[in-house]
Amino acid sequence: MLGELQPRHLAGVTRAPCHRRETLPAAAHIPRCPKCGGVARPNILMFGDGDWIGQRTQMQGIRLHACRQRVKHPVVIELGAGLAVPTVRLFGMSQDCPLVRINPGDITWLTEHDFGLKLGALTAVQAIWNALQKSSVAAESPSSP
């Protein structure tokens, strides 16, 4: 899977639907295009997906490359993916930077530069934020003789 849940784009009309609309349990909650009323779908690339629109992902890649040129010491943070979803880990490995794995169940480290937090995502991110705030305050205070 590649892409993002928002924004949505129109579902293709070339494929036959899997269900008739009136038999689909959540038919009333199907997202619609605000302009034409057509069925909208997340802009996520699934296997064999001929209707996916890749321009947004291409632009994100360009912005990532520009950002990566400016950042000297990046860190990749993986939130809750586990070992079954290797996308973030593979990206981190391709960037040759440390990986912080945050997962309440699995924090297997892959290299000596990686780090794991056996916590839920929100708890871990809040703890990281608090530590950064304390570190920033400590760095700004005058040092003792």
N, C-alpha and C. Protein backbone atom coordinates (compact mmCIF):
# COMPACT_ATOMS: atom_id res chain seq x y z
N MET A 1 0.84 -1.15 0.00
CA MET A 1 0.00 0.00 0.00
C MET A 1 0.89 1.23 0.00
N LEU A 2 0.56 2.20 -0.82
CA LEU A 2 1.34 3.42 -0.92
C LEU A 2 0.38 4.56 -1.16
N GLY A 3 0.58 5.66 -0.48
CA GLY A 3 -0.27 6.82 -0.69
C GLY A 3 -0.79 7.36 0.62
N GLU A 4 -1.99 7.91 0.58
CA GLU A 4 -2.55 8.53 1.76
C GLU A 4 -4.07 8.44 1.73
N LEU A 5 -4.67 8.50 2.91
CA LEU A 5 -6.12 8.40 3.00
C LEU A 5 -6.81 9.66 2.52
N GLN A 6 -6.20 10.82 2.68
CA GLN A 6 -6.77 12.08 2.21
C GLN A 6 -5.76 12.70 1.28
N PRO A 7 -6.09 13.35 0.21
CA PRO A 7 -7.44 13.52 -0.28
C PRO A 7 -7.90 12.29 -1.04
N ARG A 8 -9.15 12.25 -1.31
CA ARG A 8 -9.72 11.14 -2.07
C ARG A 8 -9.81 11.55 -3.54
N HIS A 9 -9.90 10.56 -4.40
CA HIS A 9 -10.16 10.85 -5.80
C HIS A 9 -11.27 9.92 -6.29
N LEU A 10 -11.79 10.19 -7.46
CA LEU A 10 -12.91 9.40 -7.97
C LEU A 10 -12.49 7.97 -8.24
N ALA A 11 -13.36 7.06 -7.85
CA ALA A 11 -13.13 5.65 -8.14
C ALA A 11 -13.30 5.45 -9.64
N GLY A 12 -12.52 4.52 -10.21
CA GLY A 12 -12.61 4.26 -11.64
C GLY A 12 -13.95 3.69 -12.05
N VAL A 13 -14.34 3.99 -13.24
CA VAL A 13 -15.62 3.48 -13.74
C VAL A 13 -15.42 2.32 -14.69
N THR A 14 -14.18 1.91 -14.90
CA THR A 14 -13.90 0.85 -15.86
C THR A 14 -14.08 -0.54 -15.24
N ARG A 15 -14.09 -0.63 -13.92
CA ARG A 15 -14.22 -1.93 -13.27
C ARG A 15 -15.64 -2.13 -12.80
N ALA A 16 -16.09 -3.36 -12.87
CA ALA A 16 -17.44 -3.68 -12.37
C ALA A 16 -17.42 -3.65 -10.86
N PRO A 17 -18.47 -3.11 -10.22
CA PRO A 17 -18.50 -3.09 -8.76
C PRO A 17 -18.62 -4.49 -8.19
N CYS A 18 -18.08 -4.69 -6.98
CA CYS A 18 -18.15 -5.98 -6.31
C CYS A 18 -19.54 -6.22 -5.72
N HIS A 19 -20.23 -5.15 -5.33
CA HIS A 19 -21.54 -5.26 -4.70
C HIS A 19 -22.49 -4.26 -5.35
N ARG A 20 -23.74 -4.58 -5.33
CA ARG A 20 -24.72 -3.59 -5.74
C ARG A 20 -24.86 -2.61 -4.59
N ARG A 21 -25.03 -1.36 -4.88
CA ARG A 21 -25.08 -0.31 -3.85
C ARG A 21 -26.14 -0.61 -2.80
N GLU A 22 -27.30 -1.08 -3.19
CA GLU A 22 -28.37 -1.27 -2.21
C GLU A 22 -28.09 -2.44 -1.27
N THR A 23 -27.15 -3.33 -1.60
CA THR A 23 -26.83 -4.46 -0.72
C THR A 23 -25.61 -4.19 0.14
N LEU A 24 -24.91 -3.11 -0.10
CA LEU A 24 -23.72 -2.78 0.65
C LEU A 24 -24.13 -2.21 2.01
N PRO A 25 -23.71 -2.82 3.13
CA PRO A 25 -24.17 -2.39 4.45
C PRO A 25 -23.92 -0.91 4.76
N ALA A 26 -22.80 -0.38 4.33
CA ALA A 26 -22.46 1.00 4.66
C ALA A 26 -22.72 1.95 3.49
N ALA A 27 -23.67 1.62 2.63
CA ALA A 27 -23.91 2.41 1.42
C ALA A 27 -24.16 3.88 1.71
N ALA A 28 -24.79 4.18 2.82
CA ALA A 28 -25.08 5.57 3.15
C ALA A 28 -23.82 6.33 3.53
N HIS A 29 -22.74 5.62 3.87
CA HIS A 29 -21.51 6.27 4.33
C HIS A 29 -20.40 6.26 3.28
N ILE A 30 -20.71 5.90 2.06
CA ILE A 30 -19.71 5.90 1.00
C ILE A 30 -19.34 7.34 0.68
N PRO A 31 -18.04 7.69 0.73
CA PRO A 31 -17.65 9.08 0.44
C PRO A 31 -17.93 9.44 -1.01
N ARG A 32 -18.34 10.67 -1.21
CA ARG A 32 -18.69 11.17 -2.54
C ARG A 32 -17.85 12.39 -2.88
N CYS A 33 -17.61 12.59 -4.16
CA CYS A 33 -16.92 13.78 -4.65
C CYS A 33 -17.85 14.98 -4.44
N PRO A 34 -17.35 16.05 -3.82
CA PRO A 34 -18.20 17.22 -3.60
C PRO A 34 -18.56 17.95 -4.89
N LYS A 35 -17.80 17.73 -5.96
CA LYS A 35 -18.07 18.42 -7.23
C LYS A 35 -19.08 17.68 -8.09
N CYS A 36 -18.89 16.36 -8.26
CA CYS A 36 -19.74 15.63 -9.21
C CYS A 36 -20.62 14.58 -8.57
N GLY A 37 -20.38 14.27 -7.29
CA GLY A 37 -21.19 13.26 -6.60
C GLY A 37 -20.75 11.84 -6.85
N GLY A 38 -19.68 11.64 -7.63
CA GLY A 38 -19.18 10.29 -7.89
C GLY A 38 -18.56 9.67 -6.65
N VAL A 39 -18.42 8.35 -6.65
CA VAL A 39 -17.82 7.66 -5.52
C VAL A 39 -16.36 8.07 -5.40
N ALA A 40 -15.95 8.46 -4.19
CA ALA A 40 -14.57 8.85 -3.93
C ALA A 40 -13.87 7.70 -3.21
N ARG A 41 -12.56 7.66 -3.32
CA ARG A 41 -11.78 6.62 -2.65
C ARG A 41 -10.48 7.21 -2.15
N PRO A 42 -9.87 6.60 -1.13
CA PRO A 42 -8.57 7.10 -0.67
C PRO A 42 -7.54 6.98 -1.79
N ASN A 43 -6.58 7.89 -1.81
CA ASN A 43 -5.53 7.84 -2.82
C ASN A 43 -4.42 6.91 -2.33
N ILE A 44 -4.75 5.62 -2.29
CA ILE A 44 -3.83 4.59 -1.82
C ILE A 44 -3.61 3.58 -2.95
N LEU A 45 -2.36 3.28 -3.23
CA LEU A 45 -2.03 2.31 -4.27
C LEU A 45 -2.15 0.91 -3.70
N MET A 46 -3.04 0.14 -4.28
CA MET A 46 -3.18 -1.26 -3.90
C MET A 46 -2.62 -2.10 -5.06
N PHE A 47 -2.42 -3.37 -4.84
CA PHE A 47 -1.86 -4.23 -5.87
C PHE A 47 -2.76 -4.25 -7.10
N GLY A 48 -2.18 -4.06 -8.27
CA GLY A 48 -2.93 -4.11 -9.52
C GLY A 48 -3.94 -2.99 -9.68
N ASP A 49 -3.69 -1.85 -9.05
CA ASP A 49 -4.64 -0.74 -9.04
C ASP A 49 -4.38 0.19 -10.22
N GLY A 50 -5.18 0.07 -11.26
CA GLY A 50 -5.04 0.91 -12.44
C GLY A 50 -5.67 2.27 -12.29
N ASP A 51 -6.41 2.51 -11.21
CA ASP A 51 -7.10 3.79 -11.03
C ASP A 51 -6.36 4.75 -10.09
N TRP A 52 -5.25 4.31 -9.53
CA TRP A 52 -4.52 5.15 -8.59
C TRP A 52 -3.91 6.33 -9.32
N ILE A 53 -3.93 7.49 -8.70
CA ILE A 53 -3.34 8.70 -9.27
C ILE A 53 -2.04 8.99 -8.51
N GLY A 54 -0.92 8.92 -9.20
CA GLY A 54 0.37 8.97 -8.54
C GLY A 54 1.03 10.34 -8.45
N GLN A 55 0.42 11.40 -9.00
CA GLN A 55 1.08 12.70 -9.00
C GLN A 55 1.36 13.24 -7.59
N ARG A 56 0.42 13.06 -6.66
CA ARG A 56 0.65 13.55 -5.29
C ARG A 56 1.84 12.83 -4.65
N THR A 57 1.93 11.53 -4.85
CA THR A 57 3.03 10.77 -4.28
C THR A 57 4.35 11.20 -4.91
N GLN A 58 4.34 11.48 -6.21
CA GLN A 58 5.56 11.96 -6.87
C GLN A 58 6.00 13.30 -6.28
N MET A 59 5.05 14.19 -6.03
CA MET A 59 5.38 15.49 -5.44
C MET A 59 5.90 15.32 -4.01
N GLN A 60 5.32 14.40 -3.27
CA GLN A 60 5.81 14.12 -1.92
C GLN A 60 7.25 13.62 -1.97
N GLY A 61 7.55 12.78 -2.96
CA GLY A 61 8.91 12.28 -3.12
C GLY A 61 9.90 13.40 -3.41
N ILE A 62 9.49 14.36 -4.22
CA ILE A 62 10.35 15.51 -4.53
C ILE A 62 10.60 16.33 -3.27
N ARG A 63 9.54 16.57 -2.47
CA ARG A 63 9.70 17.33 -1.23
C ARG A 63 10.57 16.56 -0.23
N LEU A 64 10.40 15.24 -0.16
CA LEU A 64 11.22 14.43 0.74
C LEU A 64 12.69 14.53 0.34
N HIS A 65 12.97 14.44 -0.94
CA HIS A 65 14.35 14.53 -1.42
C HIS A 65 14.96 15.88 -1.04
N ALA A 66 14.20 16.97 -1.22
CA ALA A 66 14.69 18.30 -0.87
C ALA A 66 14.94 18.40 0.64
N CYS A 67 14.03 17.87 1.42
CA CYS A 67 14.19 17.88 2.87
C CYS A 67 15.41 17.07 3.29
N ARG A 68 15.56 15.92 2.67
CA ARG A 68 16.68 15.02 3.01
C ARG A 68 18.02 15.66 2.71
N GLN A 69 18.06 16.55 1.72
CA GLN A 69 19.30 17.26 1.40
C GLN A 69 19.67 18.26 2.49
N ARG A 70 18.67 18.79 3.21
CA ARG A 70 18.90 19.79 4.26
C ARG A 70 19.20 19.16 5.63
N VAL A 71 18.66 17.98 5.90
CA VAL A 71 18.78 17.36 7.21
C VAL A 71 20.06 16.54 7.28
N LYS A 72 20.90 16.86 8.25
CA LYS A 72 22.19 16.18 8.35
C LYS A 72 22.11 14.86 9.11
N HIS A 73 21.27 14.78 10.14
CA HIS A 73 21.19 13.59 10.98
C HIS A 73 19.74 13.14 11.14
N PRO A 74 19.17 12.54 10.10
CA PRO A 74 17.76 12.14 10.21
C PRO A 74 17.57 10.92 11.11
N VAL A 75 16.37 10.77 11.58
CA VAL A 75 15.95 9.60 12.34
C VAL A 75 14.60 9.19 11.79
N VAL A 76 14.40 7.91 11.54
CA VAL A 76 13.11 7.41 11.09
C VAL A 76 12.39 6.83 12.30
N ILE A 77 11.14 7.24 12.49
CA ILE A 77 10.34 6.74 13.60
C ILE A 77 9.21 5.89 13.04
N GLU A 78 9.17 4.64 13.47
CA GLU A 78 8.14 3.69 13.04
C GLU A 78 7.14 3.55 14.18
N LEU A 79 5.88 3.83 13.90
CA LEU A 79 4.84 3.76 14.92
C LEU A 79 3.94 2.57 14.68
N GLY A 80 4.08 1.53 15.49
CA GLY A 80 3.14 0.42 15.51
C GLY A 80 3.08 -0.49 14.30
N ALA A 81 4.06 -0.48 13.44
CA ALA A 81 3.97 -1.30 12.23
C ALA A 81 4.23 -2.78 12.50
N GLY A 82 5.04 -3.10 13.48
CA GLY A 82 5.38 -4.49 13.73
C GLY A 82 6.26 -5.04 12.62
N LEU A 83 6.62 -6.30 12.75
CA LEU A 83 7.51 -6.90 11.75
C LEU A 83 6.78 -7.28 10.47
N ALA A 84 5.46 -7.38 10.51
CA ALA A 84 4.71 -7.81 9.33
C ALA A 84 4.62 -6.72 8.25
N VAL A 85 4.84 -5.45 8.63
CA VAL A 85 4.76 -4.34 7.68
C VAL A 85 6.12 -3.68 7.61
N PRO A 86 6.96 -4.06 6.64
CA PRO A 86 8.35 -3.60 6.62
C PRO A 86 8.58 -2.26 5.93
N THR A 87 7.54 -1.57 5.47
CA THR A 87 7.71 -0.39 4.64
C THR A 87 8.58 0.68 5.29
N VAL A 88 8.28 1.05 6.54
CA VAL A 88 9.04 2.10 7.21
C VAL A 88 10.46 1.65 7.48
N ARG A 89 10.63 0.41 7.92
CA ARG A 89 11.98 -0.10 8.18
C ARG A 89 12.82 -0.08 6.92
N LEU A 90 12.24 -0.53 5.81
CA LEU A 90 12.99 -0.53 4.55
C LEU A 90 13.36 0.88 4.13
N PHE A 91 12.43 1.83 4.33
CA PHE A 91 12.74 3.22 4.02
C PHE A 91 13.90 3.71 4.89
N GLY A 92 13.82 3.44 6.20
CA GLY A 92 14.89 3.86 7.10
C GLY A 92 16.23 3.27 6.71
N MET A 93 16.22 2.00 6.34
CA MET A 93 17.47 1.36 5.92
C MET A 93 18.01 2.02 4.65
N SER A 94 17.12 2.44 3.76
CA SER A 94 17.57 3.10 2.52
C SER A 94 18.15 4.48 2.80
N GLN A 95 17.78 5.08 3.92
CA GLN A 95 18.27 6.41 4.28
C GLN A 95 19.54 6.36 5.11
N ASP A 96 19.96 5.16 5.49
CA ASP A 96 21.16 4.98 6.30
C ASP A 96 21.12 5.85 7.56
N CYS A 97 20.03 5.69 8.32
CA CYS A 97 19.88 6.46 9.54
C CYS A 97 19.25 5.58 10.62
N PRO A 98 19.32 6.02 11.87
CA PRO A 98 18.74 5.23 12.96
C PRO A 98 17.23 5.09 12.81
N LEU A 99 16.73 3.97 13.31
CA LEU A 99 15.30 3.69 13.31
C LEU A 99 14.83 3.58 14.75
N VAL A 100 13.80 4.34 15.10
CA VAL A 100 13.17 4.22 16.42
C VAL A 100 11.86 3.47 16.20
N ARG A 101 11.79 2.26 16.76
CA ARG A 101 10.59 1.42 16.60
C ARG A 101 9.73 1.58 17.84
N ILE A 102 8.50 2.04 17.66
CA ILE A 102 7.56 2.22 18.76
C ILE A 102 6.42 1.25 18.54
N ASN A 103 6.29 0.30 19.47
CA ASN A 103 5.27 -0.73 19.33
C ASN A 103 5.08 -1.38 20.70
N PRO A 104 3.83 -1.52 21.15
CA PRO A 104 3.62 -2.14 22.46
C PRO A 104 3.94 -3.63 22.48
N GLY A 105 4.03 -4.26 21.30
CA GLY A 105 4.26 -5.69 21.26
C GLY A 105 5.62 -6.12 20.76
N ASP A 106 6.20 -5.39 19.80
CA ASP A 106 7.43 -5.85 19.15
C ASP A 106 8.37 -4.68 18.93
N ILE A 107 9.53 -4.73 19.55
CA ILE A 107 10.52 -3.66 19.37
C ILE A 107 11.88 -4.23 18.94
N THR A 108 11.86 -5.30 18.17
CA THR A 108 13.10 -5.92 17.70
C THR A 108 13.98 -4.87 17.02
N TRP A 109 15.23 -4.80 17.43
CA TRP A 109 16.17 -3.87 16.83
C TRP A 109 16.84 -4.56 15.65
N LEU A 110 17.11 -3.80 14.61
CA LEU A 110 17.72 -4.38 13.42
C LEU A 110 19.22 -4.11 13.36
N THR A 111 19.64 -2.97 13.87
CA THR A 111 21.08 -2.65 13.88
C THR A 111 21.44 -2.07 15.25
N GLU A 112 22.72 -1.86 15.47
CA GLU A 112 23.15 -1.27 16.73
C GLU A 112 22.77 0.21 16.84
N HIS A 113 22.35 0.82 15.74
CA HIS A 113 21.95 2.23 15.75
C HIS A 113 20.46 2.41 16.02
N ASP A 114 19.70 1.33 16.00
CA ASP A 114 18.25 1.40 16.19
C ASP A 114 17.90 1.42 17.67
N PHE A 115 16.67 1.79 17.95
CA PHE A 115 16.20 1.87 19.31
C PHE A 115 14.73 1.50 19.34
N GLY A 116 14.28 0.83 20.37
CA GLY A 116 12.88 0.45 20.46
C GLY A 116 12.24 0.92 21.75
N LEU A 117 10.99 1.34 21.66
CA LEU A 117 10.19 1.71 22.82
C LEU A 117 8.97 0.82 22.85
N LYS A 118 8.83 0.03 23.91
CA LYS A 118 7.70 -0.89 24.02
C LYS A 118 6.53 -0.13 24.65
N LEU A 119 5.96 0.78 23.86
CA LEU A 119 4.87 1.65 24.29
C LEU A 119 3.88 1.83 23.14
N GLY A 120 2.70 2.33 23.47
CA GLY A 120 1.77 2.75 22.44
C GLY A 120 2.29 4.02 21.78
N ALA A 121 1.82 4.31 20.58
CA ALA A 121 2.34 5.44 19.80
C ALA A 121 2.15 6.78 20.52
N LEU A 122 0.95 7.06 21.02
CA LEU A 122 0.69 8.35 21.66
C LEU A 122 1.56 8.53 22.90
N THR A 123 1.63 7.52 23.74
CA THR A 123 2.44 7.60 24.95
C THR A 123 3.90 7.84 24.60
N ALA A 124 4.41 7.13 23.61
CA ALA A 124 5.82 7.26 23.22
C ALA A 124 6.11 8.64 22.64
N VAL A 125 5.24 9.11 21.76
CA VAL A 125 5.46 10.42 21.14
C VAL A 125 5.40 11.52 22.20
N GLN A 126 4.48 11.41 23.14
CA GLN A 126 4.41 12.39 24.23
C GLN A 126 5.68 12.35 25.07
N ALA A 127 6.20 11.16 25.36
CA ALA A 127 7.44 11.03 26.14
C ALA A 127 8.63 11.63 25.38
N ILE A 128 8.70 11.38 24.08
CA ILE A 128 9.78 11.95 23.26
C ILE A 128 9.68 13.47 23.27
N TRP A 129 8.48 13.99 23.07
CA TRP A 129 8.26 15.44 23.07
C TRP A 129 8.69 16.06 24.40
N ASN A 130 8.28 15.44 25.51
CA ASN A 130 8.64 15.95 26.84
C ASN A 130 10.16 15.93 27.04
N ALA A 131 10.80 14.86 26.60
CA ALA A 131 12.26 14.77 26.73
C ALA A 131 12.95 15.85 25.89
N LEU A 132 12.43 16.10 24.69
CA LEU A 132 13.01 17.15 23.85
C LEU A 132 12.82 18.53 24.48
N GLN A 133 11.66 18.76 25.08
CA GLN A 133 11.40 20.03 25.75
C GLN A 133 12.37 20.24 26.91
N LYS A 134 12.57 19.20 27.72
CA LYS A 134 13.50 19.28 28.85
C LYS A 134 14.93 19.51 28.35
N SER A 135 15.29 18.82 27.28
CA SER A 135 16.63 18.96 26.71
C SER A 135 16.83 20.38 26.19
N SER A 136 15.81 20.94 25.56
CA SER A 136 15.89 22.29 25.02
C SER A 136 16.04 23.30 26.14
N VAL A 137 15.28 23.14 27.21
CA VAL A 137 15.38 24.05 28.36
C VAL A 137 16.75 23.94 29.00
N ALA A 138 17.27 22.73 29.15
CA ALA A 138 18.58 22.53 29.74
C ALA A 138 19.68 23.16 28.89
N ALA A 139 19.54 23.08 27.59
CA ALA A 139 20.55 23.64 26.68
C ALA A 139 20.54 25.16 26.72
N GLU A 140 19.37 25.77 27.03
CA GLU A 140 19.26 27.22 27.06
C GLU A 140 19.71 27.83 28.39
N SER A 141 19.70 27.03 29.46
CA SER A 141 20.07 27.57 30.77
C SER A 141 21.58 27.69 30.90
N PRO A 142 22.03 28.70 31.65
CA PRO A 142 23.49 28.86 31.80
C PRO A 142 24.10 27.68 32.56
N SER A 143 25.26 27.28 32.14
CA SER A 143 25.91 26.14 32.79
C SER A 143 26.55 26.57 34.10
N SER A 144 26.63 25.61 35.00
CA SER A 144 27.24 25.89 36.31
C SER A 144 28.74 25.86 36.19
N PRO A 145 29.43 26.66 37.04
CA PRO A 145 30.91 26.64 36.99
C PRO A 145 31.48 25.38 37.56
